[in-house]
Amino acid sequence: MAPKLRVLVSSSSAYPPTTECTVNSPTPTPIKTDSFEGDISVWIKDFTGDNSGGDGHEYFDKRPGMTYGIVVRGGSFSIMITEAGWRMDGGRKG
C-alpha cells in the first residue's frame, strides 16, 4: 500500500494540529491566532492524499524544478510591555 499524506494546520497552540489544509488549492487556508493572522498554501507535485484542491498547475507551471512548496503570508502581532504600560503592535511583517 502506498504511503498516504495528510497536511494539518492549527489556529491554536494545540498539538498535534487537527485542521486539514487543502493541498494544491488556488485558495489559501486562513490562519488566525492571538499572535498571527494570515494564510498558508501547501503545494505538492503529484499529490494524491487527502484534501486535494487540484493538480497544482498554478504553482508548478511557473516553477518547473520544484516538487513542493509551502507559502505563508500574513503578519505577526506582539505585545510590548514598558514602564508606561503596554501597547499592542499590530504592524504586519511579511
PDB file of N, CA and C in Angstrom:
ATOM      1  N   MET A   1       0.842  -1.181   0.000  1.00  0.00           N
ATOM      2  CA  MET A   1       0.000   0.000   0.000  1.00  0.00           C
ATOM      3  C   MET A   1       0.889   1.247   0.000  1.00  0.00           C
ATOM      4  N   ALA A   2       0.585   2.214  -0.853  1.00  0.00           N
ATOM      5  CA  ALA A   2       1.367   3.445  -0.960  1.00  0.00           C
ATOM      6  C   ALA A   2       1.166   4.309   0.289  1.00  0.00           C
ATOM      7  N   PRO A   3       2.188   5.085   0.665  1.00  0.00           N
ATOM      8  CA  PRO A   3       2.038   5.990   1.811  1.00  0.00           C
ATOM      9  C   PRO A   3       0.936   7.012   1.545  1.00  0.00           C
ATOM     10  N   LYS A   4       0.288   7.460   2.599  1.00  0.00           N
ATOM     11  CA  LYS A   4      -0.789   8.435   2.496  1.00  0.00           C
ATOM     12  C   LYS A   4      -0.378   9.675   3.291  1.00  0.00           C
ATOM     13  N   LEU A   5      -0.528  10.841   2.704  1.00  0.00           N
ATOM     14  CA  LEU A   5      -0.131  12.092   3.350  1.00  0.00           C
ATOM     15  C   LEU A   5      -1.356  12.942   3.637  1.00  0.00           C
ATOM     16  N   ARG A   6      -1.395  13.470   4.840  1.00  0.00           N
ATOM     17  CA  ARG A   6      -2.442  14.413   5.246  1.00  0.00           C
ATOM     18  C   ARG A   6      -1.740  15.646   5.796  1.00  0.00           C
ATOM     19  N   VAL A   7      -2.105  16.847   5.334  1.00  0.00           N
ATOM     20  CA  VAL A   7      -1.483  18.086   5.778  1.00  0.00           C
ATOM     21  C   VAL A   7      -2.415  18.759   6.774  1.00  0.00           C
ATOM     22  N   LEU A   8      -1.917  18.997   7.994  1.00  0.00           N
ATOM     23  CA  LEU A   8      -2.718  19.580   9.067  1.00  0.00           C
ATOM     24  C   LEU A   8      -2.111  20.894   9.535  1.00  0.00           C
ATOM     25  N   VAL A   9      -2.963  21.841   9.920  1.00  0.00           N
ATOM     26  CA  VAL A   9      -2.547  23.120  10.491  1.00  0.00           C
ATOM     27  C   VAL A   9      -3.387  23.382  11.729  1.00  0.00           C
ATOM     28  N   SER A  10      -2.978  24.375  12.507  1.00  0.00           N
ATOM     29  CA  SER A  10      -3.717  24.704  13.721  1.00  0.00           C
ATOM     30  C   SER A  10      -3.792  26.205  13.905  1.00  0.00           C
ATOM     31  N   SER A  11      -4.920  26.670  14.382  1.00  0.00           N
ATOM     32  CA  SER A  11      -5.088  28.079  14.722  1.00  0.00           C
ATOM     33  C   SER A  11      -4.978  28.293  16.227  1.00  0.00           C
ATOM     34  N   SER A  12      -4.398  27.337  16.906  1.00  0.00           N
ATOM     35  CA  SER A  12      -4.218  27.456  18.346  1.00  0.00           C
ATOM     36  C   SER A  12      -2.882  26.831  18.713  1.00  0.00           C
ATOM     37  N   SER A  13      -2.598  26.794  19.990  1.00  0.00           N
ATOM     38  CA  SER A  13      -1.347  26.173  20.433  1.00  0.00           C
ATOM     39  C   SER A  13      -1.512  24.667  20.616  1.00  0.00           C
ATOM     40  N   ALA A  14      -2.672  24.146  20.257  1.00  0.00           N
ATOM     41  CA  ALA A  14      -2.926  22.714  20.415  1.00  0.00           C
ATOM     42  C   ALA A  14      -1.989  21.899  19.529  1.00  0.00           C
ATOM     43  N   TYR A  15      -1.496  20.821  20.064  1.00  0.00           N
ATOM     44  CA  TYR A  15      -0.649  19.922  19.293  1.00  0.00           C
ATOM     45  C   TYR A  15      -1.098  18.504  19.570  1.00  0.00           C
ATOM     46  N   PRO A  16      -1.230  17.676  18.602  1.00  0.00           N
ATOM     47  CA  PRO A  16      -0.984  17.939  17.185  1.00  0.00           C
ATOM     48  C   PRO A  16      -2.116  18.723  16.558  1.00  0.00           C
ATOM     49  N   PRO A  17      -1.842  19.409  15.438  1.00  0.00           N
ATOM     50  CA  PRO A  17      -2.895  20.161  14.756  1.00  0.00           C
ATOM     51  C   PRO A  17      -3.963  19.220  14.201  1.00  0.00           C
ATOM     52  N   THR A  18      -5.175  19.732  14.074  1.00  0.00           N
ATOM     53  CA  THR A  18      -6.283  18.883  13.656  1.00  0.00           C
ATOM     54  C   THR A  18      -7.034  19.400  12.427  1.00  0.00           C
ATOM     55  N   THR A  19      -6.739  20.616  11.966  1.00  0.00           N
ATOM     56  CA  THR A  19      -7.441  21.184  10.827  1.00  0.00           C
ATOM     57  C   THR A  19      -6.719  20.814   9.543  1.00  0.00           C
ATOM     58  N   GLU A  20      -7.446  20.194   8.605  1.00  0.00           N
ATOM     59  CA  GLU A  20      -6.825  19.821   7.332  1.00  0.00           C
ATOM     60  C   GLU A  20      -6.594  21.052   6.472  1.00  0.00           C
ATOM     61  N   CYS A  21      -5.436  21.103   5.851  1.00  0.00           N
ATOM     62  CA  CYS A  21      -5.067  22.169   4.927  1.00  0.00           C
ATOM     63  C   CYS A  21      -5.204  21.616   3.514  1.00  0.00           C
ATOM     64  N   THR A  22      -5.978  22.283   2.681  1.00  0.00           N
ATOM     65  CA  THR A  22      -6.139  21.836   1.307  1.00  0.00           C
ATOM     66  C   THR A  22      -4.817  21.982   0.556  1.00  0.00           C
ATOM     67  N   VAL A  23      -4.414  20.949  -0.140  1.00  0.00           N
ATOM     68  CA  VAL A  23      -3.156  20.928  -0.887  1.00  0.00           C
ATOM     69  C   VAL A  23      -3.449  21.244  -2.355  1.00  0.00           C
ATOM     70  N   ASN A  24      -2.591  22.069  -2.953  1.00  0.00           N
ATOM     71  CA  ASN A  24      -2.686  22.452  -4.366  1.00  0.00           C
ATOM     72  C   ASN A  24      -3.951  23.247  -4.682  1.00  0.00           C
ATOM     73  N   SER A  25      -4.373  24.058  -3.748  1.00  0.00           N
ATOM     74  CA  SER A  25      -5.564  24.880  -3.966  1.00  0.00           C
ATOM     75  C   SER A  25      -5.151  26.319  -4.268  1.00  0.00           C
ATOM     76  N   PRO A  26      -5.792  26.958  -5.260  1.00  0.00           N
ATOM     77  CA  PRO A  26      -5.511  28.370  -5.508  1.00  0.00           C
ATOM     78  C   PRO A  26      -6.036  29.274  -4.391  1.00  0.00           C
ATOM     79  N   THR A  27      -6.880  28.740  -3.512  1.00  0.00           N
ATOM     80  CA  THR A  27      -7.391  29.496  -2.371  1.00  0.00           C
ATOM     81  C   THR A  27      -6.649  29.056  -1.115  1.00  0.00           C
ATOM     82  N   PRO A  28      -5.864  29.955  -0.486  1.00  0.00           N
ATOM     83  CA  PRO A  28      -5.099  29.564   0.693  1.00  0.00           C
ATOM     84  C   PRO A  28      -5.988  29.288   1.910  1.00  0.00           C
ATOM     85  N   THR A  29      -5.438  28.564   2.867  1.00  0.00           N
ATOM     86  CA  THR A  29      -6.128  28.268   4.123  1.00  0.00           C
ATOM     87  C   THR A  29      -5.856  29.404   5.103  1.00  0.00           C
ATOM     88  N   PRO A  30      -6.922  30.060   5.637  1.00  0.00           N
ATOM     89  CA  PRO A  30      -6.700  31.156   6.590  1.00  0.00           C
ATOM     90  C   PRO A  30      -6.294  30.626   7.969  1.00  0.00           C
ATOM     91  N   ILE A  31      -5.384  31.349   8.617  1.00  0.00           N
ATOM     92  CA  ILE A  31      -4.927  31.027   9.968  1.00  0.00           C
ATOM     93  C   ILE A  31      -5.033  32.296  10.798  1.00  0.00           C
ATOM     94  N   LYS A  32      -5.610  32.199  11.989  1.00  0.00           N
ATOM     95  CA  LYS A  32      -5.691  33.357  12.876  1.00  0.00           C
ATOM     96  C   LYS A  32      -5.485  32.900  14.312  1.00  0.00           C
ATOM     97  N   THR A  33      -4.481  33.487  14.963  1.00  0.00           N
ATOM     98  CA  THR A  33      -4.218  33.215  16.371  1.00  0.00           C
ATOM     99  C   THR A  33      -4.078  34.558  17.083  1.00  0.00           C
ATOM    100  N   ASP A  34      -3.753  34.510  18.364  1.00  0.00           N
ATOM    101  CA  ASP A  34      -3.528  35.741  19.113  1.00  0.00           C
ATOM    102  C   ASP A  34      -2.301  36.497  18.610  1.00  0.00           C
ATOM    103  N   SER A  35      -1.355  35.792  17.977  1.00  0.00           N
ATOM    104  CA  SER A  35      -0.112  36.443  17.573  1.00  0.00           C
ATOM    105  C   SER A  35       0.165  36.420  16.071  1.00  0.00           C
ATOM    106  N   PHE A  36      -0.728  35.822  15.276  1.00  0.00           N
ATOM    107  CA  PHE A  36      -0.517  35.769  13.826  1.00  0.00           C
ATOM    108  C   PHE A  36      -1.850  35.731  13.104  1.00  0.00           C
ATOM    109  N   GLU A  37      -1.899  36.433  11.983  1.00  0.00           N
ATOM    110  CA  GLU A  37      -3.066  36.351  11.100  1.00  0.00           C
ATOM    111  C   GLU A  37      -2.566  36.311   9.664  1.00  0.00           C
ATOM    112  N   GLY A  38      -2.994  35.310   8.923  1.00  0.00           N
ATOM    113  CA  GLY A  38      -2.553  35.206   7.541  1.00  0.00           C
ATOM    114  C   GLY A  38      -3.104  33.975   6.859  1.00  0.00           C
ATOM    115  N   ASP A  39      -2.411  33.554   5.820  1.00  0.00           N
ATOM    116  CA  ASP A  39      -2.837  32.431   5.001  1.00  0.00           C
ATOM    117  C   ASP A  39      -1.663  31.489   4.771  1.00  0.00           C
ATOM    118  N   ILE A  40      -1.987  30.221   4.548  1.00  0.00           N
ATOM    119  CA  ILE A  40      -0.972  29.235   4.206  1.00  0.00           C
ATOM    120  C   ILE A  40      -1.445  28.450   2.995  1.00  0.00           C
ATOM    121  N   SER A  41      -0.520  28.227   2.080  1.00  0.00           N
ATOM    122  CA  SER A  41      -0.784  27.388   0.913  1.00  0.00           C
ATOM    123  C   SER A  41       0.272  26.298   0.879  1.00  0.00           C
ATOM    124  N   VAL A  42      -0.156  25.078   0.621  1.00  0.00           N
ATOM    125  CA  VAL A  42       0.756  23.945   0.524  1.00  0.00           C
ATOM    126  C   VAL A  42       0.613  23.356  -0.874  1.00  0.00           C
ATOM    127  N   TRP A  43       1.758  23.219  -1.550  1.00  0.00           N
ATOM    128  CA  TRP A  43       1.787  22.707  -2.923  1.00  0.00           C
ATOM    129  C   TRP A  43       2.672  21.471  -2.954  1.00  0.00           C
ATOM    130  N   ILE A  44       2.141  20.352  -3.440  1.00  0.00           N
ATOM    131  CA  ILE A  44       2.899  19.104  -3.537  1.00  0.00           C
ATOM    132  C   ILE A  44       2.626  18.518  -4.919  1.00  0.00           C
ATOM    133  N   LYS A  45       3.697  18.381  -5.694  1.00  0.00           N
ATOM    134  CA  LYS A  45       3.557  17.864  -7.058  1.00  0.00           C
ATOM    135  C   LYS A  45       3.087  16.412  -7.031  1.00  0.00           C
ATOM    136  N   ASP A  46       2.143  16.087  -7.876  1.00  0.00           N
ATOM    137  CA  ASP A  46       1.571  14.735  -7.990  1.00  0.00           C
ATOM    138  C   ASP A  46       0.921  14.260  -6.690  1.00  0.00           C
ATOM    139  N   PHE A  47       0.362  15.182  -5.914  1.00  0.00           N
ATOM    140  CA  PHE A  47      -0.271  14.851  -4.637  1.00  0.00           C
ATOM    141  C   PHE A  47      -1.533  14.030  -4.866  1.00  0.00           C
ATOM    142  N   THR A  48      -1.660  12.929  -4.120  1.00  0.00           N
ATOM    143  CA  THR A  48      -2.848  12.079  -4.223  1.00  0.00           C
ATOM    144  C   THR A  48      -3.460  11.806  -2.856  1.00  0.00           C
ATOM    145  N   GLY A  49      -3.044  12.544  -1.829  1.00  0.00           N
ATOM    146  CA  GLY A  49      -3.541  12.304  -0.473  1.00  0.00           C
ATOM    147  C   GLY A  49      -4.885  12.954  -0.222  1.00  0.00           C
ATOM    148  N   ASP A  50      -5.224  13.025   1.063  1.00  0.00           N
ATOM    149  CA  ASP A  50      -6.495  13.627   1.492  1.00  0.00           C
ATOM    150  C   ASP A  50      -6.530  15.121   1.168  1.00  0.00           C
ATOM    151  N   ASN A  51      -7.710  15.614   0.882  1.00  0.00           N
ATOM    152  CA  ASN A  51      -7.996  17.040   0.761  1.00  0.00           C
ATOM    153  C   ASN A  51      -7.213  17.725  -0.358  1.00  0.00           C
ATOM    154  N   SER A  52      -7.212  17.130  -1.520  1.00  0.00           N
ATOM    155  CA  SER A  52      -6.547  17.727  -2.676  1.00  0.00           C
ATOM    156  C   SER A  52      -7.439  18.793  -3.292  1.00  0.00           C
ATOM    157  N   GLY A  53      -6.849  19.931  -3.627  1.00  0.00           N
ATOM    158  CA  GLY A  53      -7.603  21.017  -4.236  1.00  0.00           C
ATOM    159  C   GLY A  53      -7.328  21.176  -5.718  1.00  0.00           C
ATOM    160  N   GLY A  54      -6.613  20.231  -6.306  1.00  0.00           N
ATOM    161  CA  GLY A  54      -6.291  20.310  -7.724  1.00  0.00           C
ATOM    162  C   GLY A  54      -4.943  19.683  -8.003  1.00  0.00           C
ATOM    163  N   ASP A  55      -4.437  19.940  -9.209  1.00  0.00           N
ATOM    164  CA  ASP A  55      -3.156  19.344  -9.592  1.00  0.00           C
ATOM    165  C   ASP A  55      -1.973  20.266  -9.324  1.00  0.00           C
ATOM    166  N   GLY A  56      -2.231  21.501  -8.921  1.00  0.00           N
ATOM    167  CA  GLY A  56      -1.164  22.431  -8.558  1.00  0.00           C
ATOM    168  C   GLY A  56      -0.514  23.140  -9.718  1.00  0.00           C
ATOM    169  N   HIS A  57      -1.130  23.098 -10.897  1.00  0.00           N
ATOM    170  CA  HIS A  57      -0.507  23.724 -12.068  1.00  0.00           C
ATOM    171  C   HIS A  57      -0.287  25.216 -11.869  1.00  0.00           C
ATOM    172  N   GLU A  58      -1.125  25.891 -11.044  1.00  0.00           N
ATOM    173  CA  GLU A  58      -0.956  27.329 -10.797  1.00  0.00           C
ATOM    174  C   GLU A  58       0.426  27.628 -10.202  1.00  0.00           C
ATOM    175  N   TYR A  59       0.931  26.725  -9.404  1.00  0.00           N
ATOM    176  CA  TYR A  59       2.230  26.894  -8.742  1.00  0.00           C
ATOM    177  C   TYR A  59       3.355  26.282  -9.568  1.00  0.00           C
ATOM    178  N   PHE A  60       3.188  25.042 -10.001  1.00  0.00           N
ATOM    179  CA  PHE A  60       4.283  24.300 -10.619  1.00  0.00           C
ATOM    180  C   PHE A  60       4.570  24.707 -12.061  1.00  0.00           C
ATOM    181  N   ASP A  61       3.598  25.243 -12.787  1.00  0.00           N
ATOM    182  CA  ASP A  61       3.862  25.695 -14.158  1.00  0.00           C
ATOM    183  C   ASP A  61       4.905  26.818 -14.182  1.00  0.00           C
ATOM    184  N   LYS A  62       4.946  27.625 -13.114  1.00  0.00           N
ATOM    185  CA  LYS A  62       5.901  28.739 -13.021  1.00  0.00           C
ATOM    186  C   LYS A  62       7.209  28.317 -12.356  1.00  0.00           C
ATOM    187  N   ARG A  63       7.260  27.110 -11.814  1.00  0.00           N
ATOM    188  CA  ARG A  63       8.433  26.617 -11.086  1.00  0.00           C
ATOM    189  C   ARG A  63       8.722  25.178 -11.509  1.00  0.00           C
ATOM    190  N   PRO A  64       9.218  24.967 -12.719  1.00  0.00           N
ATOM    191  CA  PRO A  64       9.344  23.612 -13.259  1.00  0.00           C
ATOM    192  C   PRO A  64      10.264  22.688 -12.469  1.00  0.00           C
ATOM    193  N   GLY A  65      11.213  23.193 -11.731  1.00  0.00           N
ATOM    194  CA  GLY A  65      12.125  22.333 -10.982  1.00  0.00           C
ATOM    195  C   GLY A  65      11.656  21.989  -9.588  1.00  0.00           C
ATOM    196  N   MET A  66      10.553  22.558  -9.157  1.00  0.00           N
ATOM    197  CA  MET A  66      10.071  22.358  -7.781  1.00  0.00           C
ATOM    198  C   MET A  66       9.195  21.112  -7.674  1.00  0.00           C
ATOM    199  N   THR A  67       9.237  20.464  -6.511  1.00  0.00           N
ATOM    200  CA  THR A  67       8.361  19.325  -6.249  1.00  0.00           C
ATOM    201  C   THR A  67       7.404  19.596  -5.100  1.00  0.00           C
ATOM    202  N   TYR A  68       7.698  20.614  -4.288  1.00  0.00           N
ATOM    203  CA  TYR A  68       6.773  21.015  -3.238  1.00  0.00           C
ATOM    204  C   TYR A  68       7.049  22.458  -2.858  1.00  0.00           C
ATOM    205  N   GLY A  69       6.082  23.082  -2.190  1.00  0.00           N
ATOM    206  CA  GLY A  69       6.244  24.443  -1.700  1.00  0.00           C
ATOM    207  C   GLY A  69       5.260  24.712  -0.579  1.00  0.00           C
ATOM    208  N   ILE A  70       5.711  25.498   0.396  1.00  0.00           N
ATOM    209  CA  ILE A  70       4.845  25.944   1.496  1.00  0.00           C
ATOM    210  C   ILE A  70       4.936  27.463   1.508  1.00  0.00           C
ATOM    211  N   VAL A  71       3.803  28.123   1.323  1.00  0.00           N
ATOM    212  CA  VAL A  71       3.765  29.571   1.249  1.00  0.00           C
ATOM    213  C   VAL A  71       2.964  30.094   2.439  1.00  0.00           C
ATOM    214  N   VAL A  72       3.602  30.925   3.254  1.00  0.00           N
ATOM    215  CA  VAL A  72       2.953  31.541   4.415  1.00  0.00           C
ATOM    216  C   VAL A  72       2.965  33.040   4.184  1.00  0.00           C
ATOM    217  N   ARG A  73       1.802  33.643   4.297  1.00  0.00           N
ATOM    218  CA  ARG A  73       1.695  35.081   4.099  1.00  0.00           C
ATOM    219  C   ARG A  73       0.820  35.652   5.189  1.00  0.00           C
ATOM    220  N   GLY A  74       1.278  36.738   5.813  1.00  0.00           N
ATOM    221  CA  GLY A  74       0.490  37.355   6.856  1.00  0.00           C
ATOM    222  C   GLY A  74       1.345  38.226   7.736  1.00  0.00           C
ATOM    223  N   GLY A  75       0.862  38.469   8.920  1.00  0.00           N
ATOM    224  CA  GLY A  75       1.573  39.334   9.838  1.00  0.00           C
ATOM    225  C   GLY A  75       1.513  38.816  11.250  1.00  0.00           C
ATOM    226  N   SER A  76       2.533  39.187  12.009  1.00  0.00           N
ATOM    227  CA  SER A  76       2.555  38.795  13.415  1.00  0.00           C
ATOM    228  C   SER A  76       2.220  40.008  14.270  1.00  0.00           C
ATOM    229  N   PHE A  77       1.680  39.736  15.413  1.00  0.00           N
ATOM    230  CA  PHE A  77       1.312  40.776  16.353  1.00  0.00           C
ATOM    231  C   PHE A  77       2.082  40.529  17.636  1.00  0.00           C
ATOM    232  N   SER A  78       2.513  41.594  18.261  1.00  0.00           N
ATOM    233  CA  SER A  78       3.239  41.422  19.510  1.00  0.00           C
ATOM    234  C   SER A  78       2.730  42.422  20.535  1.00  0.00           C
ATOM    235  N   ILE A  79       2.882  42.066  21.772  1.00  0.00           N
ATOM    236  CA  ILE A  79       2.514  42.958  22.875  1.00  0.00           C
ATOM    237  C   ILE A  79       3.798  43.454  23.493  1.00  0.00           C
ATOM    238  N   MET A  80       3.929  44.775  23.616  1.00  0.00           N
ATOM    239  CA  MET A  80       5.131  45.364  24.179  1.00  0.00           C
ATOM    240  C   MET A  80       4.807  45.888  25.577  1.00  0.00           C
ATOM    241  N   ILE A  81       5.556  45.451  26.545  1.00  0.00           N
ATOM    242  CA  ILE A  81       5.355  45.904  27.923  1.00  0.00           C
ATOM    243  C   ILE A  81       6.484  46.867  28.266  1.00  0.00           C
ATOM    244  N   THR A  82       6.125  48.071  28.689  1.00  0.00           N
ATOM    245  CA  THR A  82       7.110  49.081  29.063  1.00  0.00           C
ATOM    246  C   THR A  82       6.766  49.613  30.443  1.00  0.00           C
ATOM    247  N   GLU A  83       7.593  50.519  30.953  1.00  0.00           N
ATOM    248  CA  GLU A  83       7.311  51.125  32.255  1.00  0.00           C
ATOM    249  C   GLU A  83       6.025  51.939  32.224  1.00  0.00           C
ATOM    250  N   ALA A  84       5.682  52.485  31.060  1.00  0.00           N
ATOM    251  CA  ALA A  84       4.477  53.307  30.934  1.00  0.00           C
ATOM    252  C   ALA A  84       3.217  52.465  30.774  1.00  0.00           C
ATOM    253  N   GLY A  85       3.339  51.165  30.682  1.00  0.00           N
ATOM    254  CA  GLY A  85       2.176  50.296  30.479  1.00  0.00           C
ATOM    255  C   GLY A  85       2.425  49.360  29.322  1.00  0.00           C
ATOM    256  N   TRP A  86       1.364  48.992  28.610  1.00  0.00           N
ATOM    257  CA  TRP A  86       1.528  48.073  27.492  1.00  0.00           C
ATOM    258  C   TRP A  86       0.813  48.624  26.278  1.00  0.00           C
ATOM    259  N   ARG A  87       1.237  48.182  25.116  1.00  0.00           N
ATOM    260  CA  ARG A  87       0.543  48.532  23.888  1.00  0.00           C
ATOM    261  C   ARG A  87       0.655  47.349  22.938  1.00  0.00           C
ATOM    262  N   MET A  88      -0.319  47.191  22.075  1.00  0.00           N
ATOM    263  CA  MET A  88      -0.284  46.109  21.091  1.00  0.00           C
ATOM    264  C   MET A  88       0.197  46.692  19.778  1.00  0.00           C
ATOM    265  N   ASP A  89       1.182  46.053  19.203  1.00  0.00           N
ATOM    266  CA  ASP A  89       1.736  46.454  17.919  1.00  0.00           C
ATOM    267  C   ASP A  89       1.177  45.535  16.856  1.00  0.00           C
ATOM    268  N   GLY A  90       0.277  46.037  16.032  1.00  0.00           N
ATOM    269  CA  GLY A  90      -0.366  45.213  15.008  1.00  0.00           C
ATOM    270  C   GLY A  90       0.250  45.370  13.644  1.00  0.00           C
ATOM    271  N   GLY A  91       1.481  45.836  13.594  1.00  0.00           N
ATOM    272  CA  GLY A  91       2.134  46.026  12.308  1.00  0.00           C
ATOM    273  C   GLY A  91       2.372  44.713  11.590  1.00  0.00           C
ATOM    274  N   ARG A  92       2.077  44.698  10.320  1.00  0.00           N
ATOM    275  CA  ARG A  92       2.268  43.474   9.535  1.00  0.00           C
ATOM    276  C   ARG A  92       3.731  43.340   9.150  1.00  0.00           C
ATOM    277  N   LYS A  93       4.226  42.132   9.298  1.00  0.00           N
ATOM    278  CA  LYS A  93       5.585  41.795   8.898  1.00  0.00           C
ATOM    279  C   LYS A  93       5.500  40.623   7.956  1.00  0.00           C
ATOM    280  N   GLY A  94       5.706  40.819   6.715  1.00  0.00           N
ATOM    281  CA  GLY A  94       5.651  39.681   5.794  1.00  0.00           C
ATOM    282  C   GLY A  94       4.749  39.859   4.709  1.00  0.00           C
TER     283      GLY A  94
END
